Amino acid sequence: MPITNQQVAGHTFLRRMYDDSYFPDHVIGRGKAILLRLCERIEVEQPSDLESLYALTQAATEEFNLLDREFVAAGSGIETVAREWICDEFCFVASAYGFTDADAEELTAGRDW
């Protein structure tokens, strides 16, 4: 399903990770796919409140929890800087879909990275 939100469609997810050779591109690509699936789910399900949005971001966060193993296997990992960059992307998504009052910690509350 193509993304209809123009702000999201024009955004390069995880750009800062792609710019850092510590992170392997093929694993970053899987992270980008997680974020794009989150956007697709938001567009399809159209959450009406923060709790509904948080349920969607929690599912994406759990996918990133699993992805961290792939980063580690590739000699990398979701460490402090990457954690901040990924959380920034969750905040961008929330804002792009009108949830400007979303709590940054709640968006990725279930993270173990």
C-alpha atoms as a PDB file:
ATOM      1  CA  MET A   1       0.000   0.000   0.000  1.00  0.00           C
ATOM      2  CA  PRO A   2       1.526   3.334  -0.983  1.00  0.00           C
ATOM      3  CA  ILE A   3       1.847   5.981   1.725  1.00  0.00           C
ATOM      4  CA  THR A   4      -0.572   8.865   1.116  1.00  0.00           C
ATOM      5  CA  ASN A   5       0.799  11.267   3.744  1.00  0.00           C
ATOM      6  CA  GLN A   6       3.094  13.510   1.679  1.00  0.00           C
ATOM      7  CA  GLN A   7       5.255  14.461   4.646  1.00  0.00           C
ATOM      8  CA  VAL A   8       5.963  10.778   5.295  1.00  0.00           C
ATOM      9  CA  ALA A   9       6.286   9.871   1.616  1.00  0.00           C
ATOM     10  CA  GLY A  10       9.042  12.458   1.208  1.00  0.00           C
ATOM     11  CA  HIS A  11      10.927  11.450   4.356  1.00  0.00           C
ATOM     12  CA  THR A  12      14.113   9.377   4.353  1.00  0.00           C
ATOM     13  CA  PHE A  13      13.740   7.131   7.375  1.00  0.00           C
ATOM     14  CA  LEU A  14      16.859   6.341   9.416  1.00  0.00           C
ATOM     15  CA  ARG A  15      19.022   8.570   7.228  1.00  0.00           C
ATOM     16  CA  ARG A  16      21.507   9.186  10.036  1.00  0.00           C
ATOM     17  CA  MET A  17      21.985   5.456  10.494  1.00  0.00           C
ATOM     18  CA  TYR A  18      22.588   5.019   6.755  1.00  0.00           C
ATOM     19  CA  ASP A  19      25.208   7.786   7.021  1.00  0.00           C
ATOM     20  CA  ASP A  20      27.081   5.895   9.772  1.00  0.00           C
ATOM     21  CA  SER A  21      29.138   2.925   8.559  1.00  0.00           C
ATOM     22  CA  TYR A  22      28.752   1.222  11.972  1.00  0.00           C
ATOM     23  CA  PHE A  23      25.241   0.198  10.977  1.00  0.00           C
ATOM     24  CA  PRO A  24      24.857  -2.299   8.101  1.00  0.00           C
ATOM     25  CA  ASP A  25      22.565  -1.010   5.366  1.00  0.00           C
ATOM     26  CA  HIS A  26      20.667  -4.270   4.922  1.00  0.00           C
ATOM     27  CA  VAL A  27      19.624  -4.264   8.589  1.00  0.00           C
ATOM     28  CA  ILE A  28      18.786  -0.557   8.517  1.00  0.00           C
ATOM     29  CA  GLY A  29      16.566  -1.335   5.532  1.00  0.00           C
ATOM     30  CA  ARG A  30      14.590  -3.744   7.689  1.00  0.00           C
ATOM     31  CA  GLY A  31      14.164  -0.960  10.267  1.00  0.00           C
ATOM     32  CA  LYS A  32      12.966   1.401   7.561  1.00  0.00           C
ATOM     33  CA  ALA A  33      10.440  -1.242   6.501  1.00  0.00           C
ATOM     34  CA  ILE A  34       9.150  -1.463  10.081  1.00  0.00           C
ATOM     35  CA  LEU A  35       8.564   2.283  10.141  1.00  0.00           C
ATOM     36  CA  LEU A  36       6.846   2.249   6.759  1.00  0.00           C
ATOM     37  CA  ARG A  37       4.566  -0.592   7.904  1.00  0.00           C
ATOM     38  CA  LEU A  38       3.730   1.503  10.970  1.00  0.00           C
ATOM     39  CA  CYS A  39       2.747   4.388   8.692  1.00  0.00           C
ATOM     40  CA  GLU A  40       0.636   2.081   6.549  1.00  0.00           C
ATOM     41  CA  ARG A  41      -1.153   0.765   9.631  1.00  0.00           C
ATOM     42  CA  ILE A  42      -1.825   4.305  10.836  1.00  0.00           C
ATOM     43  CA  GLU A  43      -3.298   5.205   7.451  1.00  0.00           C
ATOM     44  CA  VAL A  44      -5.482   2.090   7.352  1.00  0.00           C
ATOM     45  CA  GLU A  45      -6.584   1.989  10.987  1.00  0.00           C
ATOM     46  CA  GLN A  46      -6.714   5.764  11.512  1.00  0.00           C
ATOM     47  CA  PRO A  47      -6.232   5.789  15.285  1.00  0.00           C
ATOM     48  CA  SER A  48      -8.457   8.395  16.902  1.00  0.00           C
ATOM     49  CA  ASP A  49      -6.548   8.856  20.141  1.00  0.00           C
ATOM     50  CA  LEU A  50      -3.120   8.457  21.656  1.00  0.00           C
ATOM     51  CA  GLU A  51      -3.879   5.079  23.207  1.00  0.00           C
ATOM     52  CA  SER A  52      -4.747   3.678  19.787  1.00  0.00           C
ATOM     53  CA  LEU A  53      -1.588   5.194  18.320  1.00  0.00           C
ATOM     54  CA  TYR A  54       0.527   3.771  21.158  1.00  0.00           C
ATOM     55  CA  ALA A  55      -0.859   0.291  20.449  1.00  0.00           C
ATOM     56  CA  LEU A  56       0.429   0.594  16.877  1.00  0.00           C
ATOM     57  CA  THR A  57       3.806   2.019  17.875  1.00  0.00           C
ATOM     58  CA  GLN A  58       4.193  -0.701  20.502  1.00  0.00           C
ATOM     59  CA  ALA A  59       3.878  -3.367  17.803  1.00  0.00           C
ATOM     60  CA  ALA A  60       6.558  -1.591  15.739  1.00  0.00           C
ATOM     61  CA  THR A  61       8.759  -1.256  18.828  1.00  0.00           C
ATOM     62  CA  GLU A  62       8.542  -5.005  19.372  1.00  0.00           C
ATOM     63  CA  GLU A  63       9.717  -5.506  15.797  1.00  0.00           C
ATOM     64  CA  PHE A  64      12.721  -3.275  16.534  1.00  0.00           C
ATOM     65  CA  ASN A  65      13.390  -5.363  19.660  1.00  0.00           C
ATOM     66  CA  LEU A  66      13.787  -8.381  17.386  1.00  0.00           C
ATOM     67  CA  LEU A  67      15.762  -6.395  14.820  1.00  0.00           C
ATOM     68  CA  ASP A  68      18.363  -5.496  17.437  1.00  0.00           C
ATOM     69  CA  ARG A  69      19.472  -9.151  17.350  1.00  0.00           C
ATOM     70  CA  GLU A  70      20.161  -8.795  13.636  1.00  0.00           C
ATOM     71  CA  PHE A  71      22.206  -5.665  14.261  1.00  0.00           C
ATOM     72  CA  VAL A  72      24.233  -7.534  16.886  1.00  0.00           C
ATOM     73  CA  ALA A  73      24.726 -10.534  14.590  1.00  0.00           C
ATOM     74  CA  ALA A  74      26.084  -8.114  11.962  1.00  0.00           C
ATOM     75  CA  GLY A  75      28.595  -6.642  14.426  1.00  0.00           C
ATOM     76  CA  SER A  76      26.515  -3.601  15.308  1.00  0.00           C
ATOM     77  CA  GLY A  77      23.644  -2.894  17.699  1.00  0.00           C
ATOM     78  CA  ILE A  78      21.005  -0.415  18.703  1.00  0.00           C
ATOM     79  CA  GLU A  79      23.013   1.585  21.197  1.00  0.00           C
ATOM     80  CA  THR A  80      22.512   5.053  22.674  1.00  0.00           C
ATOM     81  CA  VAL A  81      22.842   7.139  19.514  1.00  0.00           C
ATOM     82  CA  ALA A  82      20.822   4.733  17.360  1.00  0.00           C
ATOM     83  CA  ARG A  83      18.164   4.526  20.056  1.00  0.00           C
ATOM     84  CA  GLU A  84      17.740   8.298  19.925  1.00  0.00           C
ATOM     85  CA  TRP A  85      17.611   8.300  16.125  1.00  0.00           C
ATOM     86  CA  ILE A  86      14.987   5.563  16.046  1.00  0.00           C
ATOM     87  CA  CYS A  87      12.918   7.294  18.737  1.00  0.00           C
ATOM     88  CA  ASP A  88      13.131  10.511  16.693  1.00  0.00           C
ATOM     89  CA  GLU A  89      11.604   8.627  13.765  1.00  0.00           C
ATOM     90  CA  PHE A  90       8.700   7.422  15.926  1.00  0.00           C
ATOM     91  CA  CYS A  91       8.141  11.042  17.016  1.00  0.00           C
ATOM     92  CA  PHE A  92       8.252  12.177  13.384  1.00  0.00           C
ATOM     93  CA  VAL A  93       5.623   9.595  12.436  1.00  0.00           C
ATOM     94  CA  ALA A  94       3.336  10.602  15.302  1.00  0.00           C
ATOM     95  CA  SER A  95       3.633  14.275  14.407  1.00  0.00           C
ATOM     96  CA  ALA A  96       3.149  13.672  10.687  1.00  0.00           C
ATOM     97  CA  TYR A  97      -0.183  12.008  11.440  1.00  0.00           C
ATOM     98  CA  GLY A  98      -1.366  14.808  13.721  1.00  0.00           C
ATOM     99  CA  PHE A  99      -0.370  13.396  17.111  1.00  0.00           C
ATOM    100  CA  THR A 100       1.834  16.323  18.087  1.00  0.00           C
ATOM    101  CA  ASP A 101       1.167  15.717  21.779  1.00  0.00           C
ATOM    102  CA  ALA A 102       2.414  12.111  21.718  1.00  0.00           C
ATOM    103  CA  ASP A 103       4.848  11.294  24.490  1.00  0.00           C
ATOM    104  CA  ALA A 104       8.237  10.258  23.098  1.00  0.00           C
ATOM    105  CA  GLU A 105       8.748   7.634  25.814  1.00  0.00           C
ATOM    106  CA  GLU A 106       5.289   6.147  25.348  1.00  0.00           C
ATOM    107  CA  LEU A 107       5.792   5.759  21.620  1.00  0.00           C
ATOM    108  CA  THR A 108       8.544   3.200  22.249  1.00  0.00           C
ATOM    109  CA  ALA A 109       7.666   2.173  25.802  1.00  0.00           C
ATOM    110  CA  GLY A 110       8.286  -1.536  25.231  1.00  0.00           C
ATOM    111  CA  ARG A 111      11.788  -1.152  23.814  1.00  0.00           C
ATOM    112  CA  ASP A 112      14.632  -3.234  25.163  1.00  0.00           C
ATOM    113  CA  TRP A 113      17.320  -1.366  23.255  1.00  0.00           C
END
